[in-house]
N, C-alpha and C. Protein backbone atom coordinates (compact mmCIF):
# COMPACT_ATOMS: atom_id res chain seq x y z
N MET A 1 12.09 -9.94 29.20
CA MET A 1 11.32 -8.74 28.85
C MET A 1 12.23 -7.55 28.54
N SER A 2 13.43 -7.53 29.19
CA SER A 2 14.34 -6.42 28.91
C SER A 2 14.80 -6.43 27.46
N GLY A 3 14.97 -7.65 26.89
CA GLY A 3 15.35 -7.73 25.49
C GLY A 3 14.28 -7.19 24.58
N ILE A 4 13.00 -7.47 24.89
CA ILE A 4 11.90 -6.96 24.08
C ILE A 4 11.82 -5.45 24.18
N ALA A 5 12.00 -4.91 25.40
CA ALA A 5 11.97 -3.46 25.58
C ALA A 5 13.13 -2.80 24.84
N HIS A 6 14.29 -3.42 24.88
CA HIS A 6 15.45 -2.88 24.16
C HIS A 6 15.18 -2.87 22.66
N HIS A 7 14.59 -3.95 22.16
CA HIS A 7 14.27 -4.02 20.73
C HIS A 7 13.25 -2.95 20.34
N ALA A 8 12.21 -2.79 21.17
CA ALA A 8 11.18 -1.79 20.86
C ALA A 8 11.74 -0.37 20.88
N LEU A 9 12.68 -0.11 21.79
CA LEU A 9 13.26 1.22 21.89
C LEU A 9 14.11 1.55 20.68
N PHE A 10 15.02 0.66 20.32
CA PHE A 10 15.99 0.96 19.27
C PHE A 10 15.47 0.66 17.87
N ALA A 11 14.50 -0.23 17.75
CA ALA A 11 13.99 -0.58 16.42
C ALA A 11 12.75 0.20 16.03
N ALA A 12 12.06 0.80 17.01
CA ALA A 12 10.81 1.49 16.69
C ALA A 12 10.79 2.93 17.20
N CYS A 13 10.99 3.11 18.50
CA CYS A 13 10.79 4.44 19.09
C CYS A 13 11.83 5.45 18.60
N LEU A 14 13.09 5.10 18.63
CA LEU A 14 14.14 6.05 18.22
C LEU A 14 14.04 6.42 16.74
N PRO A 15 13.84 5.47 15.81
CA PRO A 15 13.68 5.88 14.41
C PRO A 15 12.47 6.78 14.18
N LEU A 16 11.36 6.49 14.86
CA LEU A 16 10.19 7.34 14.71
C LEU A 16 10.44 8.74 15.24
N ALA A 17 11.08 8.84 16.39
CA ALA A 17 11.39 10.14 16.97
C ALA A 17 12.35 10.92 16.08
N ALA A 18 13.36 10.23 15.54
CA ALA A 18 14.31 10.91 14.66
C ALA A 18 13.63 11.39 13.39
N GLY A 19 12.75 10.57 12.83
CA GLY A 19 12.03 10.98 11.63
C GLY A 19 11.13 12.17 11.87
N ALA A 20 10.43 12.19 13.01
CA ALA A 20 9.57 13.32 13.33
C ALA A 20 10.38 14.60 13.53
N ALA A 21 11.55 14.48 14.18
CA ALA A 21 12.39 15.66 14.40
C ALA A 21 12.94 16.20 13.08
N LEU A 22 13.39 15.30 12.20
CA LEU A 22 13.91 15.75 10.91
C LEU A 22 12.83 16.38 10.05
N SER A 23 11.62 15.83 10.10
CA SER A 23 10.52 16.40 9.32
C SER A 23 10.19 17.81 9.79
N ALA A 24 10.34 18.05 11.10
CA ALA A 24 10.03 19.38 11.63
C ALA A 24 11.15 20.38 11.37
N LEU A 25 12.40 19.91 11.29
CA LEU A 25 13.53 20.82 11.20
C LEU A 25 14.00 21.08 9.76
N LEU A 26 13.78 20.13 8.85
CA LEU A 26 14.29 20.30 7.50
C LEU A 26 13.52 21.38 6.75
N PRO A 27 14.19 22.16 5.93
CA PRO A 27 13.49 23.15 5.10
C PRO A 27 12.58 22.47 4.10
N GLY A 28 11.67 23.28 3.50
CA GLY A 28 10.70 22.73 2.57
C GLY A 28 11.32 22.08 1.36
N ARG A 29 12.32 22.72 0.75
CA ARG A 29 12.93 22.15 -0.45
C ARG A 29 13.64 20.84 -0.15
N LEU A 30 14.38 20.81 0.97
CA LEU A 30 15.07 19.58 1.34
C LEU A 30 14.06 18.52 1.75
N GLY A 31 12.96 18.96 2.36
CA GLY A 31 11.92 18.00 2.72
C GLY A 31 11.28 17.37 1.50
N ALA A 32 11.07 18.19 0.43
CA ALA A 32 10.51 17.63 -0.80
C ALA A 32 11.46 16.62 -1.43
N ALA A 33 12.77 16.92 -1.41
CA ALA A 33 13.75 15.98 -1.94
C ALA A 33 13.77 14.69 -1.12
N ALA A 34 13.62 14.81 0.18
CA ALA A 34 13.60 13.63 1.03
C ALA A 34 12.37 12.78 0.74
N ARG A 35 11.24 13.42 0.44
CA ARG A 35 10.04 12.65 0.10
C ARG A 35 10.21 11.89 -1.20
N GLN A 36 11.01 12.42 -2.12
CA GLN A 36 11.22 11.73 -3.39
C GLN A 36 12.19 10.57 -3.24
N VAL A 37 13.25 10.78 -2.47
CA VAL A 37 14.29 9.75 -2.33
C VAL A 37 13.98 8.83 -1.15
N GLY A 38 13.21 9.32 -0.19
CA GLY A 38 12.98 8.58 1.04
C GLY A 38 12.41 7.19 0.87
N PRO A 39 11.35 6.99 0.05
CA PRO A 39 10.79 5.63 -0.06
C PRO A 39 11.79 4.60 -0.54
N ALA A 40 12.60 4.95 -1.56
CA ALA A 40 13.60 3.98 -2.05
C ALA A 40 14.66 3.70 -1.00
N ALA A 41 15.11 4.75 -0.28
CA ALA A 41 16.11 4.56 0.76
C ALA A 41 15.55 3.71 1.90
N ALA A 42 14.30 3.99 2.28
CA ALA A 42 13.69 3.21 3.37
C ALA A 42 13.52 1.75 2.98
N ALA A 43 13.08 1.52 1.73
CA ALA A 43 12.90 0.14 1.28
C ALA A 43 14.23 -0.61 1.28
N SER A 44 15.29 0.05 0.84
CA SER A 44 16.61 -0.60 0.81
C SER A 44 17.11 -0.91 2.22
N MET A 45 16.95 0.04 3.15
CA MET A 45 17.40 -0.19 4.52
C MET A 45 16.60 -1.29 5.19
N ILE A 46 15.30 -1.35 4.91
CA ILE A 46 14.47 -2.40 5.51
C ILE A 46 14.90 -3.78 5.02
N VAL A 47 15.21 -3.87 3.72
CA VAL A 47 15.66 -5.15 3.17
C VAL A 47 16.98 -5.56 3.81
N LEU A 48 17.91 -4.62 3.99
CA LEU A 48 19.19 -4.94 4.62
C LEU A 48 18.99 -5.39 6.07
N THR A 49 18.12 -4.69 6.79
CA THR A 49 17.86 -5.07 8.18
C THR A 49 17.23 -6.46 8.28
N ALA A 50 16.24 -6.70 7.42
CA ALA A 50 15.58 -8.01 7.44
C ALA A 50 16.54 -9.12 7.04
N SER A 51 17.43 -8.84 6.10
CA SER A 51 18.40 -9.85 5.67
C SER A 51 19.34 -10.23 6.82
N THR A 52 19.74 -9.22 7.60
CA THR A 52 20.63 -9.49 8.74
C THR A 52 19.95 -10.37 9.78
N LYS A 53 18.69 -10.05 10.09
CA LYS A 53 17.97 -10.85 11.08
C LYS A 53 17.75 -12.28 10.58
N THR A 54 17.46 -12.41 9.28
CA THR A 54 17.23 -13.74 8.73
C THR A 54 18.52 -14.56 8.70
N ALA A 55 19.63 -13.92 8.30
CA ALA A 55 20.90 -14.64 8.21
C ALA A 55 21.37 -15.11 9.59
N ALA A 56 21.08 -14.34 10.61
CA ALA A 56 21.51 -14.73 11.96
C ALA A 56 20.79 -15.97 12.46
N ASN A 57 19.64 -16.27 11.85
CA ASN A 57 18.87 -17.45 12.28
C ASN A 57 18.63 -18.40 11.10
N ALA A 58 19.60 -18.45 10.19
CA ALA A 58 19.44 -19.28 8.99
C ALA A 58 19.29 -20.75 9.33
N ALA A 59 19.90 -21.20 10.42
CA ALA A 59 19.82 -22.62 10.78
C ALA A 59 18.39 -23.04 11.08
N ALA A 60 17.64 -22.16 11.76
CA ALA A 60 16.24 -22.49 12.07
C ALA A 60 15.41 -22.57 10.80
N VAL A 61 15.67 -21.67 9.86
CA VAL A 61 14.92 -21.69 8.59
C VAL A 61 15.24 -22.95 7.82
N THR A 62 16.52 -23.35 7.80
CA THR A 62 16.92 -24.56 7.09
C THR A 62 16.27 -25.80 7.70
N THR A 63 16.18 -25.81 9.02
CA THR A 63 15.56 -26.95 9.70
C THR A 63 14.07 -27.05 9.38
N ALA A 64 13.41 -25.90 9.31
CA ALA A 64 11.97 -25.90 9.04
C ALA A 64 11.65 -26.40 7.65
N GLY A 65 12.46 -26.02 6.66
CA GLY A 65 12.24 -26.52 5.31
C GLY A 65 11.35 -25.62 4.47
N LEU A 66 11.25 -26.01 3.19
CA LEU A 66 10.51 -25.20 2.22
C LEU A 66 9.01 -25.12 2.49
N PRO A 67 8.34 -26.16 3.03
CA PRO A 67 6.90 -26.02 3.29
C PRO A 67 6.57 -24.86 4.22
N VAL A 68 7.37 -24.67 5.26
CA VAL A 68 7.12 -23.56 6.19
C VAL A 68 7.38 -22.22 5.50
N VAL A 69 8.44 -22.15 4.69
CA VAL A 69 8.74 -20.92 3.95
C VAL A 69 7.59 -20.59 3.01
N GLY A 70 7.12 -21.58 2.26
CA GLY A 70 6.01 -21.35 1.33
C GLY A 70 4.74 -20.92 2.03
N ALA A 71 4.44 -21.52 3.19
CA ALA A 71 3.23 -21.17 3.92
C ALA A 71 3.27 -19.73 4.41
N VAL A 72 4.43 -19.29 4.92
CA VAL A 72 4.55 -17.92 5.41
C VAL A 72 4.45 -16.92 4.25
N VAL A 73 5.12 -17.22 3.15
CA VAL A 73 5.06 -16.32 1.99
C VAL A 73 3.62 -16.23 1.48
N ALA A 74 2.94 -17.37 1.37
CA ALA A 74 1.56 -17.36 0.89
C ALA A 74 0.65 -16.57 1.82
N LEU A 75 0.89 -16.68 3.13
CA LEU A 75 0.07 -15.94 4.09
C LEU A 75 0.20 -14.44 3.88
N HIS A 76 1.43 -13.95 3.72
CA HIS A 76 1.63 -12.52 3.57
C HIS A 76 1.09 -12.01 2.22
N VAL A 77 1.31 -12.77 1.16
CA VAL A 77 0.82 -12.35 -0.15
C VAL A 77 -0.71 -12.33 -0.16
N ALA A 78 -1.34 -13.36 0.41
CA ALA A 78 -2.80 -13.41 0.45
C ALA A 78 -3.36 -12.25 1.27
N ALA A 79 -2.72 -11.93 2.39
CA ALA A 79 -3.18 -10.80 3.21
C ALA A 79 -3.03 -9.49 2.44
N LEU A 80 -1.93 -9.34 1.69
CA LEU A 80 -1.72 -8.12 0.91
C LEU A 80 -2.78 -7.97 -0.17
N VAL A 81 -3.06 -9.05 -0.90
CA VAL A 81 -4.03 -8.99 -2.00
C VAL A 81 -5.44 -8.75 -1.47
N LEU A 82 -5.84 -9.51 -0.46
CA LEU A 82 -7.19 -9.34 0.10
C LEU A 82 -7.34 -7.98 0.77
N GLY A 83 -6.27 -7.51 1.39
CA GLY A 83 -6.33 -6.19 2.03
C GLY A 83 -6.54 -5.07 1.03
N TYR A 84 -6.16 -5.29 -0.22
CA TYR A 84 -6.43 -4.30 -1.27
C TYR A 84 -7.80 -4.52 -1.92
N LEU A 85 -8.14 -5.77 -2.21
CA LEU A 85 -9.34 -6.04 -2.99
C LEU A 85 -10.63 -5.79 -2.20
N ILE A 86 -10.62 -6.07 -0.91
CA ILE A 86 -11.85 -5.89 -0.13
C ILE A 86 -12.24 -4.41 -0.04
N PRO A 87 -11.34 -3.48 0.33
CA PRO A 87 -11.74 -2.07 0.29
C PRO A 87 -12.06 -1.58 -1.12
N ALA A 88 -11.31 -2.05 -2.13
CA ALA A 88 -11.60 -1.64 -3.51
C ALA A 88 -12.97 -2.11 -3.94
N GLY A 89 -13.39 -3.27 -3.44
CA GLY A 89 -14.70 -3.80 -3.80
C GLY A 89 -15.86 -2.98 -3.28
N VAL A 90 -15.64 -2.20 -2.23
CA VAL A 90 -16.72 -1.35 -1.69
C VAL A 90 -16.52 0.10 -2.09
N GLY A 91 -15.60 0.35 -3.05
CA GLY A 91 -15.44 1.70 -3.58
C GLY A 91 -14.55 2.62 -2.77
N ALA A 92 -13.65 2.07 -1.95
CA ALA A 92 -12.75 2.92 -1.15
C ALA A 92 -11.71 3.57 -2.06
N PRO A 93 -11.19 4.74 -1.68
CA PRO A 93 -10.12 5.38 -2.47
C PRO A 93 -8.88 4.51 -2.58
N GLY A 94 -8.09 4.75 -3.63
CA GLY A 94 -6.89 3.96 -3.86
C GLY A 94 -5.91 4.03 -2.72
N ALA A 95 -5.75 5.23 -2.14
CA ALA A 95 -4.82 5.37 -1.01
C ALA A 95 -5.26 4.52 0.17
N THR A 96 -6.57 4.47 0.42
CA THR A 96 -7.09 3.64 1.51
C THR A 96 -6.86 2.17 1.22
N CYS A 97 -7.04 1.75 -0.03
CA CYS A 97 -6.82 0.35 -0.40
C CYS A 97 -5.36 -0.05 -0.17
N ARG A 98 -4.43 0.82 -0.58
CA ARG A 98 -3.02 0.49 -0.41
C ARG A 98 -2.64 0.44 1.06
N THR A 99 -3.15 1.39 1.86
CA THR A 99 -2.84 1.40 3.29
C THR A 99 -3.37 0.16 3.98
N THR A 100 -4.61 -0.22 3.64
CA THR A 100 -5.20 -1.42 4.24
C THR A 100 -4.44 -2.67 3.85
N ALA A 101 -3.99 -2.73 2.59
CA ALA A 101 -3.23 -3.89 2.14
C ALA A 101 -1.94 -4.03 2.92
N LEU A 102 -1.23 -2.93 3.10
CA LEU A 102 0.04 -2.99 3.85
C LEU A 102 -0.19 -3.35 5.31
N GLN A 103 -1.22 -2.75 5.91
CA GLN A 103 -1.51 -3.06 7.31
C GLN A 103 -1.91 -4.51 7.49
N ALA A 104 -2.64 -5.06 6.53
CA ALA A 104 -3.08 -6.45 6.65
C ALA A 104 -1.93 -7.42 6.48
N SER A 105 -0.94 -7.06 5.66
CA SER A 105 0.14 -8.00 5.37
C SER A 105 1.31 -7.90 6.33
N MET A 106 1.37 -6.85 7.15
CA MET A 106 2.52 -6.64 8.02
C MET A 106 2.12 -6.84 9.49
N ARG A 107 2.70 -7.84 10.09
CA ARG A 107 2.45 -8.14 11.50
C ARG A 107 3.72 -7.83 12.29
N ASN A 108 3.87 -8.42 13.48
CA ASN A 108 5.06 -8.17 14.30
C ASN A 108 5.74 -9.49 14.62
N PRO A 109 6.42 -10.10 13.63
CA PRO A 109 7.07 -11.38 13.90
C PRO A 109 8.28 -11.24 14.82
N ALA A 110 8.90 -10.05 14.88
CA ALA A 110 10.05 -9.88 15.77
C ALA A 110 9.64 -10.10 17.23
N LEU A 111 8.45 -9.62 17.59
CA LEU A 111 7.95 -9.86 18.94
C LEU A 111 7.71 -11.34 19.17
N GLY A 112 7.16 -12.02 18.16
CA GLY A 112 6.95 -13.47 18.28
C GLY A 112 8.26 -14.22 18.44
N LEU A 113 9.28 -13.78 17.71
CA LEU A 113 10.60 -14.41 17.83
C LEU A 113 11.18 -14.20 19.21
N GLY A 114 11.02 -12.98 19.75
CA GLY A 114 11.53 -12.72 21.10
C GLY A 114 10.83 -13.55 22.15
N LEU A 115 9.51 -13.70 22.02
CA LEU A 115 8.77 -14.53 22.98
C LEU A 115 9.14 -16.00 22.84
N ALA A 116 9.33 -16.46 21.60
CA ALA A 116 9.73 -17.86 21.41
C ALA A 116 11.09 -18.13 22.02
N ALA A 117 12.02 -17.18 21.86
CA ALA A 117 13.35 -17.36 22.44
C ALA A 117 13.30 -17.33 23.96
N ALA A 118 12.45 -16.44 24.51
CA ALA A 118 12.37 -16.33 25.97
C ALA A 118 11.70 -17.54 26.61
N LEU A 119 10.68 -18.09 25.94
CA LEU A 119 9.90 -19.17 26.55
C LEU A 119 10.39 -20.55 26.16
N PHE A 120 10.92 -20.69 24.94
CA PHE A 120 11.28 -22.02 24.45
C PHE A 120 12.70 -22.07 23.93
N GLY A 121 13.54 -21.13 24.39
CA GLY A 121 14.91 -21.08 23.87
C GLY A 121 15.70 -22.36 24.12
N GLY A 122 15.42 -23.05 25.24
CA GLY A 122 16.15 -24.27 25.55
C GLY A 122 15.52 -25.53 25.02
N SER A 123 14.40 -25.40 24.33
CA SER A 123 13.70 -26.58 23.83
C SER A 123 14.33 -27.07 22.52
N PRO A 124 14.36 -28.38 22.31
CA PRO A 124 14.88 -28.88 21.03
C PRO A 124 14.00 -28.50 19.85
N HIS A 125 12.75 -28.11 20.14
CA HIS A 125 11.82 -27.71 19.08
C HIS A 125 11.85 -26.21 18.79
N PHE A 126 12.79 -25.51 19.42
CA PHE A 126 12.84 -24.05 19.22
C PHE A 126 13.01 -23.65 17.74
N PRO A 127 13.85 -24.35 16.96
CA PRO A 127 13.96 -23.94 15.55
C PRO A 127 12.63 -23.95 14.81
N LEU A 128 11.78 -24.93 15.10
CA LEU A 128 10.48 -24.99 14.43
C LEU A 128 9.56 -23.87 14.90
N LEU A 129 9.71 -23.45 16.15
CA LEU A 129 8.90 -22.35 16.66
C LEU A 129 9.39 -21.00 16.11
N ALA A 130 10.69 -20.88 15.98
CA ALA A 130 11.25 -19.60 15.57
C ALA A 130 11.22 -19.40 14.06
N ALA A 131 11.24 -20.47 13.29
CA ALA A 131 11.37 -20.35 11.83
C ALA A 131 10.26 -19.51 11.19
N PRO A 132 8.98 -19.72 11.50
CA PRO A 132 7.96 -18.87 10.86
C PRO A 132 8.14 -17.39 11.15
N CYS A 133 8.55 -17.07 12.37
CA CYS A 133 8.78 -15.66 12.71
C CYS A 133 9.95 -15.09 11.93
N ILE A 134 11.02 -15.87 11.81
CA ILE A 134 12.20 -15.40 11.09
C ILE A 134 11.88 -15.18 9.61
N ILE A 135 11.19 -16.14 9.02
CA ILE A 135 10.81 -16.00 7.61
C ILE A 135 9.87 -14.81 7.43
N SER A 136 8.95 -14.64 8.36
CA SER A 136 8.00 -13.55 8.26
C SER A 136 8.68 -12.19 8.34
N ILE A 137 9.72 -12.08 9.17
CA ILE A 137 10.46 -10.82 9.26
C ILE A 137 10.98 -10.41 7.89
N PHE A 138 11.58 -11.36 7.19
CA PHE A 138 12.15 -11.04 5.87
C PHE A 138 11.06 -10.78 4.83
N VAL A 139 10.05 -11.65 4.80
CA VAL A 139 9.03 -11.55 3.75
C VAL A 139 8.22 -10.28 3.90
N GLN A 140 7.71 -10.02 5.10
CA GLN A 140 6.82 -8.88 5.24
C GLN A 140 7.54 -7.56 5.05
N ASN A 141 8.76 -7.46 5.52
CA ASN A 141 9.50 -6.21 5.35
C ASN A 141 9.90 -5.99 3.90
N THR A 142 10.36 -7.04 3.24
CA THR A 142 10.73 -6.91 1.84
C THR A 142 9.52 -6.62 0.99
N LEU A 143 8.46 -7.40 1.18
CA LEU A 143 7.24 -7.22 0.39
C LEU A 143 6.61 -5.87 0.65
N GLY A 144 6.45 -5.52 1.91
CA GLY A 144 5.80 -4.26 2.25
C GLY A 144 6.58 -3.05 1.78
N ALA A 145 7.90 -3.10 1.94
CA ALA A 145 8.72 -1.95 1.56
C ALA A 145 8.65 -1.68 0.07
N TRP A 146 8.78 -2.72 -0.74
CA TRP A 146 8.82 -2.51 -2.19
C TRP A 146 7.43 -2.28 -2.78
N VAL A 147 6.40 -2.84 -2.16
CA VAL A 147 5.04 -2.52 -2.61
C VAL A 147 4.71 -1.07 -2.30
N ALA A 148 5.12 -0.60 -1.12
CA ALA A 148 4.90 0.81 -0.78
C ALA A 148 5.67 1.73 -1.72
N LEU A 149 6.90 1.33 -2.07
CA LEU A 149 7.68 2.12 -3.01
C LEU A 149 7.02 2.15 -4.38
N ALA A 150 6.54 1.01 -4.85
CA ALA A 150 5.87 0.97 -6.15
C ALA A 150 4.60 1.82 -6.13
N GLY A 151 3.85 1.78 -5.02
CA GLY A 151 2.65 2.60 -4.93
C GLY A 151 2.94 4.09 -4.95
N SER A 152 4.08 4.48 -4.36
CA SER A 152 4.42 5.91 -4.36
C SER A 152 4.85 6.40 -5.73
N LEU A 153 5.29 5.48 -6.60
CA LEU A 153 5.73 5.88 -7.94
C LEU A 153 4.61 5.88 -8.96
N VAL A 154 3.46 5.28 -8.62
CA VAL A 154 2.34 5.22 -9.56
C VAL A 154 1.64 6.56 -9.58
N ALA A 155 1.44 7.13 -10.76
CA ALA A 155 0.75 8.41 -10.89
C ALA A 155 -0.73 8.21 -10.63
N PRO A 156 -1.41 9.18 -9.97
CA PRO A 156 -2.84 9.05 -9.73
C PRO A 156 -3.62 9.07 -11.03
N SER A 157 -4.71 8.34 -11.05
CA SER A 157 -5.55 8.28 -12.25
C SER A 157 -6.21 9.62 -12.49
N PRO A 158 -6.38 10.04 -13.77
CA PRO A 158 -7.04 11.31 -14.04
C PRO A 158 -8.47 11.32 -13.59
N LEU A 159 -9.11 10.14 -13.48
CA LEU A 159 -10.48 10.10 -13.00
C LEU A 159 -10.56 10.44 -11.52
N ALA A 160 -9.42 10.36 -10.83
CA ALA A 160 -9.42 10.62 -9.39
C ALA A 160 -9.27 12.10 -9.09
N GLU A 161 -9.12 12.95 -10.09
CA GLU A 161 -8.90 14.35 -9.87
C GLU A 161 -9.94 15.14 -10.64
N GLY A 162 -9.78 16.43 -10.61
CA GLY A 162 -10.68 17.29 -11.37
C GLY A 162 -11.86 17.70 -10.55
N ALA A 163 -13.07 17.63 -11.20
CA ALA A 163 -14.27 18.14 -10.55
C ALA A 163 -14.68 17.30 -9.36
N TYR A 164 -14.17 16.07 -9.27
CA TYR A 164 -14.57 15.20 -8.17
C TYR A 164 -13.56 15.20 -7.04
N GLY A 165 -12.60 16.12 -7.04
CA GLY A 165 -11.64 16.22 -5.95
C GLY A 165 -10.33 15.56 -6.30
N SER A 166 -9.35 15.75 -5.44
CA SER A 166 -8.00 15.26 -5.70
C SER A 166 -7.69 13.95 -4.99
N GLN A 167 -8.66 13.36 -4.31
CA GLN A 167 -8.39 12.13 -3.57
C GLN A 167 -8.39 10.94 -4.53
N PRO A 168 -7.37 10.05 -4.46
CA PRO A 168 -7.34 8.89 -5.35
C PRO A 168 -8.54 8.01 -5.13
N MET A 169 -8.97 7.34 -6.19
CA MET A 169 -10.15 6.50 -6.12
C MET A 169 -9.77 5.08 -6.49
N SER A 170 -10.59 4.13 -6.03
CA SER A 170 -10.36 2.74 -6.35
C SER A 170 -10.75 2.47 -7.80
N PRO A 171 -10.28 1.33 -8.37
CA PRO A 171 -10.67 1.01 -9.74
C PRO A 171 -12.17 0.93 -9.94
N ARG A 172 -12.89 0.35 -8.94
CA ARG A 172 -14.34 0.26 -9.09
C ARG A 172 -14.98 1.64 -9.07
N ALA A 173 -14.51 2.51 -8.15
CA ALA A 173 -15.05 3.86 -8.10
C ALA A 173 -14.76 4.62 -9.39
N GLY A 174 -13.56 4.36 -9.97
CA GLY A 174 -13.24 5.00 -11.23
C GLY A 174 -14.16 4.58 -12.34
N ARG A 175 -14.52 3.29 -12.38
CA ARG A 175 -15.44 2.83 -13.41
C ARG A 175 -16.82 3.43 -13.22
N VAL A 176 -17.26 3.52 -11.96
CA VAL A 176 -18.56 4.14 -11.70
C VAL A 176 -18.56 5.61 -12.12
N LEU A 177 -17.45 6.30 -11.79
CA LEU A 177 -17.34 7.70 -12.15
C LEU A 177 -17.33 7.88 -13.66
N SER A 178 -16.63 6.97 -14.37
CA SER A 178 -16.59 7.05 -15.82
C SER A 178 -17.97 6.85 -16.42
N ALA A 179 -18.70 5.85 -15.91
CA ALA A 179 -20.05 5.62 -16.41
C ALA A 179 -20.95 6.81 -16.11
N ASP A 180 -20.81 7.40 -14.93
CA ASP A 180 -21.60 8.57 -14.58
C ASP A 180 -21.32 9.73 -15.52
N GLY A 181 -20.05 9.91 -15.86
CA GLY A 181 -19.71 10.99 -16.79
C GLY A 181 -20.31 10.79 -18.16
N ILE A 182 -20.31 9.52 -18.63
CA ILE A 182 -20.91 9.23 -19.94
C ILE A 182 -22.41 9.51 -19.91
N LEU A 183 -23.08 9.08 -18.83
CA LEU A 183 -24.51 9.32 -18.73
C LEU A 183 -24.83 10.81 -18.68
N ARG A 184 -24.01 11.57 -17.96
CA ARG A 184 -24.21 13.01 -17.91
C ARG A 184 -24.05 13.64 -19.29
N GLN A 185 -23.03 13.17 -20.02
CA GLN A 185 -22.79 13.72 -21.35
C GLN A 185 -23.95 13.40 -22.28
N VAL A 186 -24.41 12.14 -22.25
CA VAL A 186 -25.54 11.75 -23.10
C VAL A 186 -26.80 12.51 -22.70
N GLY A 187 -27.00 12.65 -21.40
CA GLY A 187 -28.17 13.39 -20.94
C GLY A 187 -28.14 14.84 -21.38
N GLY A 188 -26.94 15.43 -21.32
CA GLY A 188 -26.82 16.82 -21.78
C GLY A 188 -27.13 16.96 -23.25
N GLN A 189 -26.67 16.02 -24.07
CA GLN A 189 -26.96 16.08 -25.49
C GLN A 189 -28.44 15.86 -25.75
N ALA A 190 -29.06 14.95 -24.97
CA ALA A 190 -30.49 14.72 -25.15
C ALA A 190 -31.29 15.96 -24.78
N GLY A 191 -30.85 16.66 -23.75
CA GLY A 191 -31.56 17.87 -23.36
C GLY A 191 -31.46 18.98 -24.40
N ARG A 192 -30.39 19.01 -25.17
CA ARG A 192 -30.22 20.04 -26.19
C ARG A 192 -30.89 19.67 -27.50
N ALA A 193 -31.37 18.42 -27.65
CA ALA A 193 -31.93 17.97 -28.92
C ALA A 193 -33.09 18.84 -29.40
N PRO A 194 -34.11 19.14 -28.55
CA PRO A 194 -35.21 20.00 -29.04
C PRO A 194 -34.73 21.36 -29.54
N TYR A 195 -33.77 21.94 -28.83
CA TYR A 195 -33.25 23.25 -29.25
C TYR A 195 -32.58 23.16 -30.62
N ILE A 196 -31.81 22.07 -30.85
CA ILE A 196 -31.14 21.89 -32.13
C ILE A 196 -32.16 21.72 -33.25
N VAL A 197 -33.24 20.96 -33.01
CA VAL A 197 -34.29 20.75 -34.02
C VAL A 197 -34.96 22.07 -34.38
N ARG A 198 -35.26 22.88 -33.37
CA ARG A 198 -35.91 24.17 -33.64
C ARG A 198 -35.01 25.07 -34.47
N GLU A 199 -33.73 25.07 -34.17
CA GLU A 199 -32.79 25.89 -34.93
C GLU A 199 -32.72 25.43 -36.39
N GLN A 200 -32.74 24.11 -36.60
CA GLN A 200 -32.70 23.59 -37.96
C GLN A 200 -33.97 23.96 -38.72
N GLN A 201 -35.14 23.93 -38.04
CA GLN A 201 -36.38 24.31 -38.69
C GLN A 201 -36.37 25.78 -39.06
N ARG A 202 -35.89 26.62 -38.19
CA ARG A 202 -35.84 28.05 -38.50
C ARG A 202 -34.91 28.33 -39.67
N GLU A 203 -33.78 27.63 -39.72
CA GLU A 203 -32.85 27.83 -40.82
C GLU A 203 -33.46 27.36 -42.14
N SER A 204 -34.23 26.25 -42.08
CA SER A 204 -34.88 25.75 -43.30
C SER A 204 -35.94 26.71 -43.78
N GLU A 205 -36.76 27.26 -42.86
CA GLU A 205 -37.79 28.23 -43.24
C GLU A 205 -37.18 29.50 -43.81
N SER A 206 -36.05 29.91 -43.23
CA SER A 206 -35.38 31.11 -43.73
C SER A 206 -34.87 30.89 -45.15
N ASN A 207 -34.34 29.72 -45.43
CA ASN A 207 -33.86 29.44 -46.78
C ASN A 207 -35.02 29.35 -47.78
N THR A 208 -36.18 28.82 -47.33
CA THR A 208 -37.34 28.72 -48.22
C THR A 208 -37.87 30.10 -48.58
N ASN A 209 -37.95 31.00 -47.59
CA ASN A 209 -38.45 32.36 -47.84
C ASN A 209 -37.54 33.12 -48.80
N ARG A 210 -36.27 32.81 -48.77
CA ARG A 210 -35.36 33.48 -49.68
C ARG A 210 -35.62 33.03 -51.12
């Protein structure tokens, strides 16, 4: 348990505390620059960290073989896709869809690896127990980091702003909003039709009297 506590302290608590302190102390201009460069730097550091953990246990991954690697990758990709499509299907905002997708695809395989090592470290079957966790560490961190980076670089849709607020909207909500705008525009033109006809009649009568 001391190993798990050590991992939680140095891998989670200290980076979060340091990030919160820097966010509070940095000036606004430097903070804006950090927000622009931060996602790419974080994604790169996560990939390096995950690569180190995976390389240290490469023997277990090799023993497990490609079927286990494929199953773990498919699990994370399916969770990412479904985590986005399900909220989008009920009209959730785009930011909510992306957050749900990342949360659904990212678990805690490092904890699973620590428990496997503590409980089954001396077992001849330990490589098979540890391999899915090791693969998951690399896949979820790499996938999550770069998907989050790509999402931060995508410009918000114009349908998500303007008179309907600045909150990003899902693709389905955008289509509904677009259809609503068309109906409003057509309705407005239909409401003006009698006025336009009356104006045309008056202009025709005026030309006849002349």
